Structures are given as structure tokens and as C-alpha cells.
Amino acid sequence: MAGIRSRRIIGLMSGTSCDGVDAALVEVVGRGLVMRAKLIDHRHRRYPPVLRERLLTVMAPAKTTTQELCDLAVTVGGQFAKAAIALIRSTDVRAEDIDLIGSHGQTICHLPPVAKGRGSTLQIGDAAVIAARTGVPVVSDFRQADMAHGGQGAPLVPWTDYVLFRNARLSSAIQNIGGIANVTYVPSGGGPEDVIAFDTGPGNMIVDELVRRITGGRRSFDRNGRRAARGRVHDRLLKKWMSNPYFRRRPPKSCGREQFGAAFVDRAVGTLDVKRRGDDLVATATALTARTIAGAYRRFLPSKKGKPAIDRLVVCGGGARNSTLMAMLAGELPGIDVVPIERFGITDQAKEAVSFAMLAAACADGVPANLPQVTGATRPAILGRITRV
């Protein structure tokens, strides 16, 4: 990257798992499709348990008050600022050397448009609070411009996936497994207009909610898939869950807690004894994630000799550290090479934060970074709003 002015940008991300803030310090060189990004450092800052419970309580389709949302917007902004400051202090970089912060915020509600209707989305984490406490300009509200032009507002990382992973010879599927699972398909030698991307369905979200109920809130996820490994997949229950119409809906499409959060678990579990049958339910929910990812590939991605035309599968997000889920996914997709994202110099937990650092750079450069064929927007759009110090 020598010889070209580089920028140091912090990306901040908290996903639908709502466990805390990922902060990534990224060196960015160039603009647009010739941009290059190098991860310098990454830190994860967990939300205080009380704050996490407050956030889960207000997330759609729950009811809440405007007072609670107002207070949470500032509180979450403070948490994002602390994550950025902690990252800066862990390196030899000074705050005044940081050019920009890209903050995704914490999604509270995401309502994509249906049948040409109007969509809306809400991410909280006051950008002015982050800018004031760090002394760095902040780009936030990335989803709104795409939705204003009729798009789903998600997924937004396919543009960065294309920049990072395009290859003249290899077709890649980049599979993020956070609370929600989303795939980006980058065909060999293709342009950004050839990218296919969408949310495949639940990632860790249903598993996390089941673990919360099984443990009475003492645990929030199935560490390394241990519960799923002990449990038995209930085929009839899995078939029932897979009948959800979302899985058959053609892209563009996106989803969130509104479809696969606590209300889904209430309906899916019904009168079953969650604590007594907990490990079996976690195993079944884990299988649902693996099977719907693989099913989405077979339905919606190009095929070659009856199999998804994927030369390499790059898995990232919290689900990449769940060995039971990874084994199930490999079983669903035999013969496809699974490549650790670390091979590209990015850790699995940092990847989304890196993407929002890159999207912040695109915003500052005036470069449209949505892919209309992915989101359903009527036109390319510059994503994000800039809050000055």
C-alpha cells in the first residue's frame, strides 16, 4: 500500500445477536472498486448484561416507549464510542490519526418492503455521541438511502465482499452466520452487477433464544455447538420449521428478529418443555440453519453439474466458531472447499466491522455502494450520513 495515501478508518458493528460491539481498525487505500482494505486490529466489547436485556426487550415486534428508545440511542452511542476508544488505546495509533468511523449501529427494527410497499429500518447508537467522545467524524445510517429508493436496505456488505473476494478464476460464496445468515455469491471474472446476495434465514438467532430460555438467561449462545452435539435432531419438527415461506421466497430478500426472533420460537416450540428437551431443540435449530443455507444455494445460486457452482466457501461470523454447525453445513454441501476467512487477513468476528469501515470510505468518497440487483433498489445510492465533530 506504499506510495498511495492511506486512510485509517474504524468500523463499528453490532449484529442481530446483540452481544456487543465489534470494532475494527482498517487501513484503506484507493476508492471505489479499486479500494484495498487491510485489517490492523480488532476488539470486541460486550454489552453490559442489563443493557443487552433492555435492547432485546425493545426489539421488534415488541412494544416500547419513545422515552426508552431515546435513552437507549444515547446509551448505545456511548457503548460504541467506548469500543472505538478501547481499540485506539490498544494500538500505537492516536485518535487524531483516525480519519473516519463507520458505525452500523444496533438494529432495533427492520421492515423491508413487501410487494412494492414501503420499507423502514431503525438502527440506534447516536452518531453525534460517538463523534463527540472520540473526536472523529462518523458515518452512520447506512441502510436508509437504499430503502428510500425502494430497496430492502440489506444486505449491504455484498459491495465490500466483491471488492475483497473477487477472483478471475474462482467463484466464491461468502457466508456470514451472525444472528441472521446471509450469503454473497461472487462469480469468477464477474462484475459487481453479477453479484447475488440475500439473507438465507436464521443464523444463530433461534439457537441463542433457546439457550437463553434453557438456562434462565445465564447463557446467551451454544458455545462451540456443545448442546447441539449432545442433542438429537427432530426430523418432523425440522420439516415443520422449514415450511416457513421465507425460505422459498426469491431474492431480493432480507429478514431479522421480526421473522425469526422470540415470537418465532414461541410458535415453533409451542407447548414443548424447553428445559427438558433443550439440547434436542438446539440441535434441531442448528440443523435448520445449516439446511436452509444449503437449500438457498441450491435454489438461488448458479449450478454446475447439479451442484452449486461454488469453488470456495468463505464462512465468517459467530457461527464459524460453532463446530457442530460447521460439520452440519459441510454435510449439506459435500465437495465444496471451505476456506477460513483468516486466509484473507481478516478474522471471522471482524469481517462485518471491516465492511462498514469500507462503506464509510465509500460514503466519504461519494461512491454508491449498494448493489441494486441485490437489494431491489431502483438505483445505485451513496450509503450513510456524515456527522462532523
Protein backbone atom coordinates (compact mmCIF):
# COMPACT_ATOMS: atom_id res chain seq x y z
CA MET A 1 0.00 0.00 0.00
CA ALA A 2 3.04 2.22 -0.16
CA GLY A 3 3.03 5.21 -2.46
CA ILE A 4 -0.69 5.91 -2.21
CA ARG A 5 -2.26 7.90 0.61
CA SER A 6 -3.93 5.55 3.02
CA ARG A 7 -6.70 6.29 5.48
CA ARG A 8 -7.21 4.75 8.88
CA ILE A 9 -10.87 4.05 9.47
CA ILE A 10 -12.64 2.33 12.35
CA GLY A 11 -15.65 0.15 11.58
CA LEU A 12 -18.16 -0.46 14.38
CA MET A 13 -20.74 -3.22 14.16
CA SER A 14 -23.29 -4.87 16.41
CA GLY A 15 -25.42 -7.51 14.78
CA THR A 16 -28.74 -9.15 15.44
CA SER A 17 -27.20 -11.38 18.12
CA CYS A 18 -26.98 -8.19 20.18
CA ASP A 19 -24.00 -9.36 22.22
CA GLY A 20 -21.79 -6.30 21.93
CA VAL A 21 -19.74 -4.14 19.58
CA ASP A 22 -17.05 -5.28 17.16
CA ALA A 23 -14.50 -2.55 16.42
CA ALA A 24 -12.03 -2.94 13.57
CA LEU A 25 -9.20 -0.57 12.69
CA VAL A 26 -8.71 -0.75 8.93
CA GLU A 27 -6.16 0.76 6.58
CA VAL A 28 -7.97 1.77 3.40
CA VAL A 29 -6.21 2.71 0.16
CA GLY A 30 -7.93 3.86 -3.02
CA ARG A 31 -11.61 4.42 -3.71
CA GLY A 32 -14.49 2.59 -5.29
CA LEU A 33 -13.92 -0.86 -6.78
CA VAL A 34 -10.13 -0.49 -6.65
CA MET A 35 -10.23 0.10 -2.90
CA ARG A 36 -7.98 -2.11 -0.80
CA ALA A 37 -8.50 -2.75 2.87
CA LYS A 38 -6.13 -4.21 5.47
CA LEU A 39 -7.21 -5.12 9.00
CA ILE A 40 -4.83 -3.60 11.55
CA ASP A 41 -6.56 -4.63 14.77
CA HIS A 42 -9.90 -5.80 16.11
CA ARG A 43 -11.53 -5.74 19.52
CA HIS A 44 -14.92 -6.96 20.76
CA ARG A 45 -16.60 -5.11 23.61
CA ARG A 46 -19.52 -6.94 25.19
CA TYR A 47 -22.66 -5.08 26.17
CA PRO A 48 -23.32 -4.95 29.92
CA PRO A 49 -25.93 -7.67 30.63
CA VAL A 50 -28.53 -5.12 31.76
CA LEU A 51 -28.16 -3.16 28.52
CA ARG A 52 -28.44 -6.31 26.40
CA GLU A 53 -31.68 -7.23 28.14
CA ARG A 54 -33.03 -3.71 27.58
CA LEU A 55 -32.20 -3.96 23.89
CA LEU A 56 -33.78 -7.39 23.48
CA THR A 57 -36.88 -6.12 25.25
CA VAL A 58 -37.46 -3.25 22.80
CA MET A 59 -36.64 -5.09 19.60
CA ALA A 60 -39.50 -5.52 17.17
CA PRO A 61 -42.13 -6.90 17.31
CA ALA A 62 -42.08 -5.85 20.98
CA LYS A 63 -43.79 -2.68 22.16
CA THR A 64 -41.79 0.07 23.83
CA THR A 65 -41.87 3.78 24.65
CA THR A 66 -40.28 6.73 22.91
CA GLN A 67 -38.56 7.61 26.19
CA GLU A 68 -36.85 4.22 26.30
CA LEU A 69 -35.73 4.47 22.66
CA CYS A 70 -34.36 7.98 23.22
CA ASP A 71 -32.33 6.91 26.23
CA LEU A 72 -31.09 3.76 24.52
CA ALA A 73 -29.94 5.71 21.44
CA VAL A 74 -27.57 7.77 23.61
CA THR A 75 -26.55 4.81 25.81
CA VAL A 76 -25.71 2.62 22.80
CA GLY A 77 -23.85 5.54 21.21
CA GLY A 78 -21.75 5.67 24.36
CA GLN A 79 -21.00 1.95 24.13
CA PHE A 80 -19.93 2.32 20.51
CA ALA A 81 -17.67 5.24 21.46
CA LYS A 82 -16.09 3.20 24.26
CA ALA A 83 -15.44 0.35 21.80
CA ALA A 84 -13.68 2.74 19.41
CA ILE A 85 -11.63 4.37 22.18
CA ALA A 86 -10.60 0.98 23.60
CA LEU A 87 -9.46 -0.11 20.12
CA ILE A 88 -7.41 3.07 19.65
CA ARG A 89 -5.76 2.64 23.05
CA SER A 90 -4.82 -0.97 22.23
CA THR A 91 -2.73 0.19 19.25
CA ASP A 92 0.02 2.76 18.75
CA VAL A 93 -2.38 4.92 16.72
CA ARG A 94 -3.56 8.25 18.12
CA ALA A 95 -7.18 9.39 17.86
CA GLU A 96 -6.10 12.33 15.70
CA ASP A 97 -4.65 9.83 13.21
CA ILE A 98 -8.08 8.24 12.62
CA ASP A 99 -9.72 9.68 9.51
CA LEU A 100 -13.23 8.33 9.95
CA ILE A 101 -15.51 5.99 11.89
CA GLY A 102 -18.19 3.91 10.18
CA SER A 103 -20.89 2.88 12.66
CA HIS A 104 -23.64 0.47 11.66
CA GLY A 105 -25.42 0.96 14.99
CA GLN A 106 -27.71 -1.54 16.70
CA THR A 107 -30.73 -2.62 14.69
CA ILE A 108 -33.94 -2.33 16.69
CA CYS A 109 -36.43 -2.85 13.86
CA HIS A 110 -36.05 -3.72 10.19
CA LEU A 111 -39.15 -3.83 7.98
CA PRO A 112 -38.19 -4.45 4.35
CA PRO A 113 -40.72 -3.53 1.67
CA VAL A 114 -43.14 -6.26 0.61
CA ALA A 115 -44.90 -6.34 -2.78
CA LYS A 116 -43.66 -2.87 -3.78
CA GLY A 117 -44.69 -1.43 -0.45
CA ARG A 118 -42.71 0.99 1.70
CA GLY A 119 -39.95 -0.30 3.95
CA SER A 120 -38.38 1.18 7.06
CA THR A 121 -35.50 0.47 9.39
CA LEU A 122 -34.14 1.73 12.72
CA GLN A 123 -30.56 1.45 13.98
CA ILE A 124 -29.71 3.24 17.22
CA GLY A 125 -26.39 4.47 18.60
CA ASP A 126 -26.23 8.25 18.36
CA ALA A 127 -23.51 9.21 15.87
CA ALA A 128 -23.12 12.65 17.48
CA VAL A 129 -22.24 10.97 20.78
CA ILE A 130 -19.61 8.79 19.06
CA ALA A 131 -18.12 11.80 17.23
CA ALA A 132 -18.06 13.98 20.34
CA ARG A 133 -16.39 11.37 22.55
CA THR A 134 -13.83 10.16 20.01
CA GLY A 135 -13.13 13.43 18.19
CA VAL A 136 -13.54 11.62 14.85
CA PRO A 137 -16.20 12.20 12.12
CA VAL A 138 -18.75 9.38 11.98
CA VAL A 139 -20.66 7.84 9.08
CA SER A 140 -23.90 6.18 10.20
CA ASP A 141 -27.42 5.31 8.94
CA PHE A 142 -26.18 3.20 6.04
CA ARG A 143 -29.45 1.45 5.23
CA GLN A 144 -31.84 4.36 4.77
CA ALA A 145 -30.72 5.61 1.34
CA ASP A 146 -31.15 2.19 -0.25
CA MET A 147 -34.61 1.84 1.29
CA ALA A 148 -35.58 5.32 0.13
CA HIS A 149 -35.02 4.04 -3.40
CA GLY A 150 -37.22 1.00 -2.86
CA GLY A 151 -34.55 -1.42 -1.65
CA GLN A 152 -34.50 -3.87 1.24
CA GLY A 153 -31.71 -1.92 2.94
CA ALA A 154 -29.97 -5.28 3.28
CA PRO A 155 -27.69 -6.97 2.79
CA LEU A 156 -25.21 -4.11 2.36
CA VAL A 157 -21.90 -5.96 2.64
CA PRO A 158 -22.04 -7.56 -0.87
CA TRP A 159 -20.33 -4.47 -2.34
CA THR A 160 -17.43 -4.90 0.07
CA ASP A 161 -17.47 -8.67 -0.48
CA TYR A 162 -16.99 -8.05 -4.20
CA VAL A 163 -14.10 -5.66 -3.55
CA LEU A 164 -12.43 -8.09 -1.13
CA PHE A 165 -13.03 -11.50 -2.72
CA ARG A 166 -13.44 -11.15 -6.49
CA ASN A 167 -11.25 -13.55 -8.45
CA ALA A 168 -10.78 -14.11 -12.16
CA ARG A 169 -10.80 -17.91 -11.84
CA LEU A 170 -12.74 -18.84 -8.70
CA SER A 171 -16.41 -18.39 -7.84
CA SER A 172 -16.85 -17.63 -4.15
CA ALA A 173 -19.71 -17.77 -1.67
CA ILE A 174 -19.09 -15.61 1.39
CA GLN A 175 -21.39 -16.86 4.13
CA ASN A 176 -21.81 -14.75 7.22
CA ILE A 177 -23.51 -16.50 10.13
CA GLY A 178 -24.46 -13.97 12.78
CA GLY A 179 -27.90 -13.75 14.31
CA ILE A 180 -29.13 -13.85 10.72
CA ALA A 181 -27.26 -15.72 7.99
CA ASN A 182 -26.52 -14.01 4.69
CA VAL A 183 -24.62 -15.08 1.58
CA THR A 184 -22.78 -13.15 -1.13
CA TYR A 185 -22.04 -15.02 -4.36
CA VAL A 186 -19.20 -13.55 -6.42
CA PRO A 187 -18.88 -15.40 -9.77
CA SER A 188 -15.44 -15.86 -11.28
CA GLY A 189 -14.49 -12.98 -13.54
CA GLY A 190 -17.81 -11.23 -12.93
CA GLY A 191 -18.54 -7.57 -12.28
CA PRO A 192 -20.44 -6.08 -9.33
CA GLU A 193 -23.65 -6.30 -11.35
CA ASP A 194 -23.24 -10.13 -11.39
CA VAL A 195 -23.17 -10.49 -7.60
CA ILE A 196 -26.04 -12.39 -5.97
CA ALA A 197 -26.70 -11.84 -2.28
CA PHE A 198 -29.53 -12.23 0.24
CA ASP A 199 -30.34 -13.34 3.78
CA THR A 200 -30.67 -17.12 3.80
CA GLY A 201 -32.60 -17.08 7.09
CA PRO A 202 -31.71 -17.56 10.75
CA GLY A 203 -28.09 -17.95 11.71
CA ASN A 204 -27.54 -18.15 15.47
CA MET A 205 -30.71 -16.27 16.41
CA ILE A 206 -33.05 -19.19 17.17
CA VAL A 207 -30.29 -21.17 18.90
CA ASP A 208 -29.39 -18.16 21.06
CA GLU A 209 -33.01 -17.63 22.12
CA LEU A 210 -33.42 -21.30 23.00
CA VAL A 211 -30.23 -21.28 25.10
CA ARG A 212 -31.46 -18.16 26.95
CA ARG A 213 -34.67 -19.96 27.86
CA ILE A 214 -33.00 -23.25 28.76
CA THR A 215 -30.52 -21.56 31.12
CA GLY A 216 -32.86 -18.91 32.51
CA GLY A 217 -30.73 -16.18 30.93
CA ARG A 218 -27.41 -17.41 32.37
CA ARG A 219 -26.10 -18.28 28.89
CA SER A 220 -26.74 -16.49 25.62
CA PHE A 221 -25.33 -18.88 23.00
CA ASP A 222 -24.31 -22.51 22.41
CA ARG A 223 -20.55 -22.35 22.89
CA ASN A 224 -18.83 -24.39 20.15
CA GLY A 225 -22.14 -26.19 19.48
CA ARG A 226 -21.82 -28.39 22.57
CA ARG A 227 -25.55 -28.54 23.28
CA ALA A 228 -26.34 -29.25 19.65
CA ALA A 229 -23.75 -32.05 19.64
CA ARG A 230 -25.43 -33.66 22.68
CA GLY A 231 -28.92 -33.32 21.21
CA ARG A 232 -30.86 -35.22 18.57
CA VAL A 233 -32.39 -33.54 15.52
CA HIS A 234 -36.15 -33.99 15.38
CA ASP A 235 -36.85 -34.51 11.69
CA ARG A 236 -40.60 -33.82 11.88
CA LEU A 237 -40.05 -30.61 13.83
CA LEU A 238 -37.28 -29.55 11.44
CA LYS A 239 -39.56 -30.17 8.44
CA LYS A 240 -42.26 -28.04 10.08
CA TRP A 241 -39.83 -25.18 10.69
CA MET A 242 -38.55 -25.38 7.14
CA SER A 243 -42.06 -24.87 5.79
CA ASN A 244 -41.72 -21.17 6.63
CA PRO A 245 -42.47 -19.32 3.37
CA TYR A 246 -39.38 -17.11 3.75
CA PHE A 247 -37.10 -19.93 2.64
CA ARG A 248 -38.90 -20.32 -0.70
CA ARG A 249 -39.19 -16.58 -1.41
CA ARG A 250 -36.94 -15.45 -4.22
CA PRO A 251 -34.34 -12.70 -3.65
CA PRO A 252 -34.09 -9.78 -3.15
CA LYS A 253 -34.98 -10.58 0.44
CA SER A 254 -33.83 -9.87 3.98
CA CYS A 255 -35.01 -10.85 7.44
CA GLY A 256 -34.41 -10.29 11.14
CA ARG A 257 -35.88 -10.71 14.60
CA GLU A 258 -39.26 -9.79 13.19
CA GLN A 259 -39.32 -13.18 11.40
CA PHE A 260 -37.01 -15.41 13.47
CA GLY A 261 -36.80 -13.89 16.94
CA ALA A 262 -38.59 -14.69 20.20
CA ALA A 263 -42.04 -14.74 18.57
CA PHE A 264 -40.86 -17.41 16.12
CA VAL A 265 -39.54 -19.51 19.00
CA ASP A 266 -42.85 -19.12 20.85
CA ARG A 267 -44.73 -20.52 17.84
CA ALA A 268 -42.11 -23.11 16.92
CA VAL A 269 -41.78 -24.63 20.37
CA GLY A 270 -45.41 -24.35 21.43
CA THR A 271 -46.12 -26.49 24.47
CA LEU A 272 -42.84 -28.43 24.38
CA ASP A 273 -40.84 -28.47 27.61
CA VAL A 274 -37.87 -26.30 26.59
CA LYS A 275 -35.68 -27.18 29.56
CA ARG A 276 -36.27 -30.93 29.41
CA ARG A 277 -35.88 -31.17 25.64
CA GLY A 278 -33.45 -28.29 25.35
CA ASP A 279 -30.47 -29.99 23.72
CA ASP A 280 -32.70 -31.63 21.10
CA LEU A 281 -34.31 -28.29 20.28
CA VAL A 282 -30.89 -26.62 19.97
CA ALA A 283 -29.71 -29.44 17.70
CA THR A 284 -32.80 -29.02 15.54
CA ALA A 285 -32.39 -25.25 15.33
CA THR A 286 -28.72 -25.70 14.39
CA ALA A 287 -29.73 -28.13 11.65
CA LEU A 288 -32.29 -25.57 10.44
CA THR A 289 -29.51 -23.02 9.91
CA ALA A 290 -27.28 -25.48 8.03
CA ARG A 291 -30.07 -26.88 5.90
CA THR A 292 -31.58 -23.53 4.94
CA ILE A 293 -28.16 -22.17 3.95
CA ALA A 294 -27.53 -25.16 1.71
CA GLY A 295 -31.11 -25.08 0.40
CA ALA A 296 -30.74 -21.43 -0.53
CA TYR A 297 -27.60 -22.25 -2.54
CA ARG A 298 -29.43 -24.97 -4.46
CA ARG A 299 -32.48 -22.79 -5.12
CA PHE A 300 -30.99 -19.40 -5.87
CA LEU A 301 -27.32 -19.70 -6.88
CA PRO A 302 -25.97 -20.86 -10.25
CA SER A 303 -25.36 -24.60 -10.53
CA LYS A 304 -22.80 -26.78 -12.29
CA LYS A 305 -23.43 -30.49 -12.85
CA GLY A 306 -26.37 -30.36 -10.46
CA LYS A 307 -24.39 -28.73 -7.62
CA PRO A 308 -23.98 -25.08 -6.57
CA ALA A 309 -21.27 -23.50 -8.76
CA ILE A 310 -19.06 -22.61 -5.79
CA ASP A 311 -15.29 -23.11 -5.88
CA ARG A 312 -14.70 -21.84 -2.37
CA LEU A 313 -16.99 -21.18 0.60
CA VAL A 314 -15.73 -18.49 2.97
CA VAL A 315 -17.54 -18.64 6.33
CA CYS A 316 -17.43 -15.82 8.87
CA GLY A 317 -19.40 -14.55 11.85
CA GLY A 318 -20.04 -16.17 15.22
CA GLY A 319 -21.42 -19.32 13.61
CA ALA A 320 -18.00 -20.05 12.11
CA ARG A 321 -16.82 -20.92 15.65
CA ASN A 322 -19.63 -23.46 16.16
CA SER A 323 -18.02 -26.77 15.18
CA THR A 324 -21.34 -28.65 15.25
CA LEU A 325 -22.92 -26.16 12.85
CA MET A 326 -19.86 -26.27 10.59
CA ALA A 327 -20.00 -30.08 10.48
CA MET A 328 -23.69 -29.98 9.62
CA LEU A 329 -23.07 -27.40 6.89
CA ALA A 330 -20.23 -29.48 5.41
CA GLY A 331 -22.55 -32.47 5.39
CA GLU A 332 -25.13 -30.48 3.45
CA LEU A 333 -22.57 -29.25 0.91
CA PRO A 334 -20.23 -32.14 0.09
CA GLY A 335 -17.30 -31.43 -2.18
CA ILE A 336 -17.21 -27.66 -1.65
CA ASP A 337 -13.91 -26.25 -0.36
CA VAL A 338 -14.43 -24.35 2.91
CA VAL A 339 -11.81 -21.60 3.22
CA PRO A 340 -11.16 -19.84 6.56
CA ILE A 341 -11.60 -16.09 6.20
CA GLU A 342 -8.34 -15.69 8.12
CA ARG A 343 -6.58 -16.70 4.90
CA PHE A 344 -7.54 -13.25 3.60
CA GLY A 345 -6.10 -11.45 6.64
CA ILE A 346 -9.48 -10.89 8.31
CA THR A 347 -10.74 -12.66 11.43
CA ASP A 348 -14.25 -14.10 11.28
CA GLN A 349 -15.54 -11.80 14.02
CA ALA A 350 -14.01 -8.67 12.47
CA LYS A 351 -15.33 -9.11 8.95
CA GLU A 352 -18.59 -7.13 9.27
CA ALA A 353 -16.86 -4.28 11.09
CA VAL A 354 -14.23 -4.18 8.32
CA SER A 355 -17.07 -3.93 5.79
CA PHE A 356 -18.56 -0.88 7.50
CA ALA A 357 -15.17 0.82 7.60
CA MET A 358 -15.05 0.31 3.81
CA LEU A 359 -18.63 1.55 3.39
CA ALA A 360 -17.73 4.65 5.40
CA ALA A 361 -14.86 5.32 3.00
CA ALA A 362 -17.22 4.92 0.04
CA CYS A 363 -19.64 7.42 1.59
CA ALA A 364 -16.88 9.98 2.16
CA ASP A 365 -15.73 9.45 -1.43
CA GLY A 366 -19.23 9.89 -2.85
CA VAL A 367 -19.23 6.33 -4.27
CA PRO A 368 -22.54 4.40 -4.44
CA ALA A 369 -22.07 1.15 -2.52
CA ASN A 370 -25.39 -0.64 -2.72
CA LEU A 371 -25.98 -3.26 -5.41
CA PRO A 372 -29.49 -2.66 -6.77
CA GLN A 373 -29.91 -6.23 -8.07
CA VAL A 374 -29.19 -7.43 -4.52
CA THR A 375 -31.38 -5.07 -2.51
CA GLY A 376 -34.09 -4.36 -5.07
CA ALA A 377 -33.38 -0.61 -5.08
CA THR A 378 -34.27 1.29 -8.24
CA ARG A 379 -30.83 2.90 -8.50
CA PRO A 380 -27.33 2.96 -7.00
CA ALA A 381 -27.12 5.07 -3.85
CA ILE A 382 -24.44 6.65 -1.67
CA LEU A 383 -24.92 4.99 1.71
CA GLY A 384 -24.64 6.78 5.04
CA ARG A 385 -24.75 10.20 6.66
CA ILE A 386 -21.69 12.03 7.94
CA THR A 387 -21.67 13.58 11.43
CA ARG A 388 -18.82 16.07 11.87
CA VAL A 389 -17.00 16.62 15.12
